[in-house]
C-alpha atoms as a PDB file:
ATOM      1  CA  MET A   1     -67.860 -18.796 -50.663  1.00  0.00           C
ATOM      2  CA  GLU A   2     -68.135 -18.948 -46.896  1.00  0.00           C
ATOM      3  CA  LEU A   3     -65.109 -17.970 -44.580  1.00  0.00           C
ATOM      4  CA  LEU A   4     -64.963 -18.130 -40.900  1.00  0.00           C
ATOM      5  CA  VAL A   5     -62.085 -16.247 -39.239  1.00  0.00           C
ATOM      6  CA  TYR A   6     -60.859 -17.426 -36.106  1.00  0.00           C
ATOM      7  CA  SER A   7     -59.339 -14.379 -33.813  1.00  0.00           C
ATOM      8  CA  ALA A   8     -59.230 -12.817 -31.005  1.00  0.00           C
ATOM      9  CA  ASN A   9     -59.105  -9.009 -29.654  1.00  0.00           C
ATOM     10  CA  TRP A  10     -55.560  -8.870 -28.424  1.00  0.00           C
ATOM     11  CA  CYS A  11     -54.184 -10.402 -31.709  1.00  0.00           C
ATOM     12  CA  ARG A  12     -52.022  -8.069 -33.964  1.00  0.00           C
ATOM     13  CA  ASP A  13     -52.138 -10.451 -36.913  1.00  0.00           C
ATOM     14  CA  CYS A  14     -55.633 -10.780 -36.585  1.00  0.00           C
ATOM     15  CA  ARG A  15     -56.587  -7.447 -36.823  1.00  0.00           C
ATOM     16  CA  GLU A  16     -54.349  -7.414 -39.860  1.00  0.00           C
ATOM     17  CA  ALA A  17     -55.946 -10.093 -41.210  1.00  0.00           C
ATOM     18  CA  LYS A  18     -59.686  -8.519 -40.846  1.00  0.00           C
ATOM     19  CA  ARG A  19     -58.290  -5.413 -42.250  1.00  0.00           C
ATOM     20  CA  PHE A  20     -56.996  -7.073 -45.322  1.00  0.00           C
ATOM     21  CA  LEU A  21     -60.573  -8.503 -45.817  1.00  0.00           C
ATOM     22  CA  ASN A  22     -62.558  -5.546 -45.147  1.00  0.00           C
ATOM     23  CA  GLU A  23     -60.541  -3.661 -47.446  1.00  0.00           C
ATOM     24  CA  HIS A  24     -60.853  -5.968 -50.369  1.00  0.00           C
ATOM     25  CA  SER A  25     -64.862  -6.505 -49.359  1.00  0.00           C
ATOM     26  CA  ILE A  26     -64.420 -10.125 -48.712  1.00  0.00           C
ATOM     27  CA  ALA A  27     -67.354 -10.916 -46.483  1.00  0.00           C
ATOM     28  CA  PHE A  28     -66.563 -13.608 -43.221  1.00  0.00           C
ATOM     29  CA  THR A  29     -67.806 -14.403 -40.018  1.00  0.00           C
ATOM     30  CA  GLU A  30     -65.456 -13.891 -37.014  1.00  0.00           C
ATOM     31  CA  VAL A  31     -65.117 -16.381 -34.366  1.00  0.00           C
ATOM     32  CA  ASN A  32     -63.842 -14.968 -31.512  1.00  0.00           C
ATOM     33  CA  ILE A  33     -61.467 -17.519 -29.483  1.00  0.00           C
ATOM     34  CA  GLU A  34     -62.137 -15.897 -26.217  1.00  0.00           C
ATOM     35  CA  THR A  35     -65.684 -15.432 -26.279  1.00  0.00           C
ATOM     36  CA  THR A  36     -66.871 -18.110 -28.522  1.00  0.00           C
ATOM     37  CA  PRO A  37     -67.372 -21.416 -26.095  1.00  0.00           C
ATOM     38  CA  GLY A  38     -65.259 -24.409 -27.687  1.00  0.00           C
ATOM     39  CA  ALA A  39     -63.823 -22.034 -30.516  1.00  0.00           C
ATOM     40  CA  ALA A  40     -60.019 -22.419 -28.998  1.00  0.00           C
ATOM     41  CA  ASP A  41     -60.331 -25.900 -28.777  1.00  0.00           C
ATOM     42  CA  LEU A  42     -61.317 -26.394 -32.434  1.00  0.00           C
ATOM     43  CA  VAL A  43     -58.760 -24.283 -33.534  1.00  0.00           C
ATOM     44  CA  VAL A  44     -56.315 -26.990 -31.646  1.00  0.00           C
ATOM     45  CA  ALA A  45     -57.980 -29.785 -32.759  1.00  0.00           C
ATOM     46  CA  HIS A  46     -57.668 -28.702 -36.386  1.00  0.00           C
ATOM     47  CA  THR A  47     -53.816 -27.272 -36.359  1.00  0.00           C
ATOM     48  CA  GLY A  48     -52.286 -28.942 -33.145  1.00  0.00           C
ATOM     49  CA  LYS A  49     -51.924 -25.585 -31.482  1.00  0.00           C
ATOM     50  CA  ARG A  50     -53.623 -22.374 -30.281  1.00  0.00           C
ATOM     51  CA  ALA A  51     -52.286 -20.416 -33.493  1.00  0.00           C
ATOM     52  CA  ILE A  52     -54.732 -17.299 -34.580  1.00  0.00           C
ATOM     53  CA  PRO A  53     -55.682 -15.921 -37.015  1.00  0.00           C
ATOM     54  CA  GLN A  54     -56.936 -19.155 -38.574  1.00  0.00           C
ATOM     55  CA  PHE A  55     -59.355 -18.902 -42.008  1.00  0.00           C
ATOM     56  CA  VAL A  56     -61.559 -21.845 -42.646  1.00  0.00           C
ATOM     57  CA  LEU A  57     -62.612 -21.507 -46.318  1.00  0.00           C
ATOM     58  CA  ASP A  58     -65.382 -23.350 -47.217  1.00  0.00           C
ATOM     59  CA  GLY A  59     -64.260 -25.913 -44.959  1.00  0.00           C
ATOM     60  CA  LYS A  60     -60.545 -25.684 -45.367  1.00  0.00           C
ATOM     61  CA  TRP A  61     -58.276 -24.570 -42.708  1.00  0.00           C
ATOM     62  CA  ILE A  62     -55.737 -21.826 -43.694  1.00  0.00           C
ATOM     63  CA  GLN A  63     -53.113 -20.057 -41.550  1.00  0.00           C
ATOM     64  CA  PRO A  64     -53.129 -16.790 -43.137  1.00  0.00           C
ATOM     65  CA  TYR A  65     -49.592 -15.756 -41.483  1.00  0.00           C
ATOM     66  CA  LYS A  66     -46.130 -16.863 -40.799  1.00  0.00           C
ATOM     67  CA  PRO A  67     -44.636 -16.527 -37.056  1.00  0.00           C
ATOM     68  CA  GLY A  68     -42.124 -13.670 -37.163  1.00  0.00           C
ATOM     69  CA  LEU A  69     -43.432 -12.551 -40.667  1.00  0.00           C
ATOM     70  CA  GLY A  70     -46.993 -11.699 -40.021  1.00  0.00           C
ATOM     71  CA  PHE A  71     -49.768 -11.590 -42.210  1.00  0.00           C
ATOM     72  CA  LEU A  72     -49.014 -13.028 -45.718  1.00  0.00           C
ATOM     73  CA  HIS A  73     -50.653 -10.449 -48.081  1.00  0.00           C
ATOM     74  CA  LYS A  74     -49.292 -11.794 -51.232  1.00  0.00           C
ATOM     75  CA  GLU A  75     -50.360 -15.346 -50.697  1.00  0.00           C
ATOM     76  CA  MET A  76     -53.986 -14.313 -49.251  1.00  0.00           C
ATOM     77  CA  ALA A  77     -54.180 -12.010 -52.236  1.00  0.00           C
ATOM     78  CA  GLU A  78     -53.665 -14.645 -54.678  1.00  0.00           C
ATOM     79  CA  LEU A  79     -55.928 -17.089 -52.958  1.00  0.00           C
ATOM     80  CA  PHE A  80     -59.031 -14.483 -52.823  1.00  0.00           C
ATOM     81  CA  GLY A  81     -57.996 -13.289 -56.533  1.00  0.00           C
ATOM     82  CA  VAL A  82     -57.495  -9.837 -55.431  1.00  0.00           C
ATOM     83  CA  ASP A  83     -54.369  -6.989 -55.834  1.00  0.00           C
ATOM     84  CA  ALA A  84     -51.928  -7.324 -52.973  1.00  0.00           C
ATOM     85  CA  ASP A  85     -51.651  -4.204 -51.320  1.00  0.00           C
END
């Protein structure tokens, strides 16, 4: 399984997504859209907006949050086969 996490330091939902992954020992590679050239453009190209965090799991783009609701703990726990916290 290859997991990329598109994020930025200022993003609260990104911090929550990375905390979830770390708590469940799910390996990922972080792509900071502020410091990685072209990363923000890639997010826009795949999602139609500059919306982070974004997961790319084995090539499939997944938005692990909903605006106004935050990180989707239950849905992501089911996706990764871990217990929801």
